[in-house]
Amino acid sequence: MSKLPLEYLKHILEEIEFIINELNSISEDDFYKNPVLKIASVRSLEIIGEATKNISDAFRERHSNVDWKNMARMRDKLIHHYFGINVFTPQASV
C-alpha cells in the first residue's frame, strides 16, 4: 500500500528545512570545506527526489505549479551520475 501524498510531502519539507537551516548558518566556502555537510545535502536532495517520484501523477497534475519533474531529475542525476556530480549543483538547487 502506497503512502498518501501528505506523507511524502512531509519528508520533502523536512529535507528542505534541513538544507536551508544548515546552509544558512555557514558560508559558501565553509560548505565546500565540510564533506559531511556536502554528503548530507546531497542525500537530502536524493530523498526529496525519491519522495517526489512516489507522489501520484494525479496529485502532481493538480499541483502543476511545482517543478516535480526537475526535483525527480536531480535525484536521478545524483544517484546515477554520482562521480560526475559537481558539488556546486546541489547548493545551486537549494
C-alpha atoms as a PDB file:
ATOM      1  CA  MET A   1       0.000   0.000   0.000  1.00  0.00           C
ATOM      2  CA  SER A   2       1.448   3.323  -1.024  1.00  0.00           C
ATOM      3  CA  LYS A   3       1.631   6.292   1.289  1.00  0.00           C
ATOM      4  CA  LEU A   4      -0.603   9.310   0.997  1.00  0.00           C
ATOM      5  CA  PRO A   5       0.869  12.367  -0.761  1.00  0.00           C
ATOM      6  CA  LEU A   6       0.911  14.183   2.581  1.00  0.00           C
ATOM      7  CA  GLU A   7       3.427  11.697   3.978  1.00  0.00           C
ATOM      8  CA  TYR A   8       5.799  12.216   1.038  1.00  0.00           C
ATOM      9  CA  LEU A   9       5.319  15.969   1.236  1.00  0.00           C
ATOM     10  CA  LYS A  10       6.270  15.825   4.916  1.00  0.00           C
ATOM     11  CA  HIS A  11       9.544  14.088   4.004  1.00  0.00           C
ATOM     12  CA  ILE A  12      10.225  16.656   1.295  1.00  0.00           C
ATOM     13  CA  LEU A  13       9.581  19.548   3.679  1.00  0.00           C
ATOM     14  CA  GLU A  14      11.798  18.050   6.395  1.00  0.00           C
ATOM     15  CA  GLU A  15      14.698  17.707   3.960  1.00  0.00           C
ATOM     16  CA  ILE A  16      14.228  21.203   2.570  1.00  0.00           C
ATOM     17  CA  GLU A  17      14.183  22.622   6.088  1.00  0.00           C
ATOM     18  CA  PHE A  18      17.351  20.693   6.967  1.00  0.00           C
ATOM     19  CA  ILE A  19      19.201  22.005   3.926  1.00  0.00           C
ATOM     20  CA  ILE A  20      18.053  25.594   4.398  1.00  0.00           C
ATOM     21  CA  ASN A  21      18.834  25.618   8.121  1.00  0.00           C
ATOM     22  CA  GLU A  22      22.281  24.149   7.629  1.00  0.00           C
ATOM     23  CA  LEU A  23      23.267  26.217   4.605  1.00  0.00           C
ATOM     24  CA  ASN A  24      22.007  29.482   6.087  1.00  0.00           C
ATOM     25  CA  SER A  25      24.283  29.046   9.074  1.00  0.00           C
ATOM     26  CA  ILE A  26      27.592  28.717   7.176  1.00  0.00           C
ATOM     27  CA  SER A  27      29.436  30.463   4.391  1.00  0.00           C
ATOM     28  CA  GLU A  28      29.692  29.020   0.917  1.00  0.00           C
ATOM     29  CA  ASP A  29      33.407  28.446   1.476  1.00  0.00           C
ATOM     30  CA  ASP A  30      32.717  26.525   4.704  1.00  0.00           C
ATOM     31  CA  PHE A  31      30.164  24.402   2.851  1.00  0.00           C
ATOM     32  CA  TYR A  32      32.771  23.295   0.314  1.00  0.00           C
ATOM     33  CA  LYS A  33      35.249  22.506   3.077  1.00  0.00           C
ATOM     34  CA  ASN A  34      32.759  20.364   5.011  1.00  0.00           C
ATOM     35  CA  PRO A  35      32.461  16.885   3.470  1.00  0.00           C
ATOM     36  CA  VAL A  36      29.817  15.771   5.976  1.00  0.00           C
ATOM     37  CA  LEU A  37      27.540  18.684   5.116  1.00  0.00           C
ATOM     38  CA  LYS A  38      28.072  18.156   1.379  1.00  0.00           C
ATOM     39  CA  ILE A  39      27.158  14.472   1.683  1.00  0.00           C
ATOM     40  CA  ALA A  40      24.155  15.268   3.896  1.00  0.00           C
ATOM     41  CA  SER A  41      22.928  17.902   1.437  1.00  0.00           C
ATOM     42  CA  VAL A  42      23.232  15.525  -1.492  1.00  0.00           C
ATOM     43  CA  ARG A  43      21.409  12.824   0.478  1.00  0.00           C
ATOM     44  CA  SER A  44      18.612  15.260   1.316  1.00  0.00           C
ATOM     45  CA  LEU A  45      18.212  16.089  -2.376  1.00  0.00           C
ATOM     46  CA  GLU A  46      18.087  12.376  -3.169  1.00  0.00           C
ATOM     47  CA  ILE A  47      15.329  11.899  -0.598  1.00  0.00           C
ATOM     48  CA  ILE A  48      13.396  14.862  -1.998  1.00  0.00           C
ATOM     49  CA  GLY A  49      13.620  13.415  -5.495  1.00  0.00           C
ATOM     50  CA  GLU A  50      12.643   9.919  -4.392  1.00  0.00           C
ATOM     51  CA  ALA A  51       9.666  11.203  -2.415  1.00  0.00           C
ATOM     52  CA  THR A  52       8.634  13.267  -5.442  1.00  0.00           C
ATOM     53  CA  LYS A  53       8.637  10.174  -7.635  1.00  0.00           C
ATOM     54  CA  ASN A  54       6.322   8.409  -5.215  1.00  0.00           C
ATOM     55  CA  ILE A  55       3.648  11.095  -5.285  1.00  0.00           C
ATOM     56  CA  SER A  56       0.857  10.124  -7.664  1.00  0.00           C
ATOM     57  CA  ASP A  57       0.651  11.657 -11.126  1.00  0.00           C
ATOM     58  CA  ALA A  58      -2.860  12.864 -10.317  1.00  0.00           C
ATOM     59  CA  PHE A  59      -1.620  14.832  -7.293  1.00  0.00           C
ATOM     60  CA  ARG A  60       1.296  16.287  -9.255  1.00  0.00           C
ATOM     61  CA  GLU A  61      -1.034  17.324 -12.062  1.00  0.00           C
ATOM     62  CA  ARG A  62      -3.336  19.079  -9.589  1.00  0.00           C
ATOM     63  CA  HIS A  63      -0.285  20.961  -8.292  1.00  0.00           C
ATOM     64  CA  SER A  64       1.436  21.657 -11.591  1.00  0.00           C
ATOM     65  CA  ASN A  65       2.964  24.888 -10.278  1.00  0.00           C
ATOM     66  CA  VAL A  66       5.586  22.727  -8.509  1.00  0.00           C
ATOM     67  CA  ASP A  67       8.552  21.653 -10.629  1.00  0.00           C
ATOM     68  CA  TRP A  68       8.123  17.937  -9.818  1.00  0.00           C
ATOM     69  CA  LYS A  69       9.986  16.784 -12.918  1.00  0.00           C
ATOM     70  CA  ASN A  70      13.225  18.595 -12.113  1.00  0.00           C
ATOM     71  CA  MET A  71      13.057  17.514  -8.479  1.00  0.00           C
ATOM     72  CA  ALA A  72      12.967  13.903  -9.658  1.00  0.00           C
ATOM     73  CA  ARG A  73      15.654  14.521 -12.297  1.00  0.00           C
ATOM     74  CA  MET A  74      18.019  15.904  -9.681  1.00  0.00           C
ATOM     75  CA  ARG A  75      17.647  12.670  -7.723  1.00  0.00           C
ATOM     76  CA  ASP A  76      18.399  10.647 -10.857  1.00  0.00           C
ATOM     77  CA  LYS A  77      21.499  12.705 -11.613  1.00  0.00           C
ATOM     78  CA  LEU A  78      22.765  12.343  -8.061  1.00  0.00           C
ATOM     79  CA  ILE A  79      22.155   8.586  -7.967  1.00  0.00           C
ATOM     80  CA  HIS A  80      23.211   7.555 -11.464  1.00  0.00           C
ATOM     81  CA  HIS A  81      25.994  10.015 -12.180  1.00  0.00           C
ATOM     82  CA  TYR A  82      27.488  10.223  -8.721  1.00  0.00           C
ATOM     83  CA  PHE A  83      31.113  10.570  -9.783  1.00  0.00           C
ATOM     84  CA  GLY A  84      30.255  13.279 -12.288  1.00  0.00           C
ATOM     85  CA  ILE A  85      28.428  15.429  -9.745  1.00  0.00           C
ATOM     86  CA  ASN A  86      29.781  18.881  -9.182  1.00  0.00           C
ATOM     87  CA  VAL A  87      29.344  19.969  -5.556  1.00  0.00           C
ATOM     88  CA  PHE A  88      28.065  23.288  -6.874  1.00  0.00           C
ATOM     89  CA  THR A  89      24.983  21.569  -8.316  1.00  0.00           C
ATOM     90  CA  PRO A  90      23.291  20.589  -5.021  1.00  0.00           C
ATOM     91  CA  GLN A  91      23.838  24.001  -3.476  1.00  0.00           C
ATOM     92  CA  ALA A  92      22.531  25.741  -6.587  1.00  0.00           C
ATOM     93  CA  SER A  93      19.444  23.539  -6.401  1.00  0.00           C
ATOM     94  CA  VAL A  94      18.580  24.816  -2.974  1.00  0.00           C
END
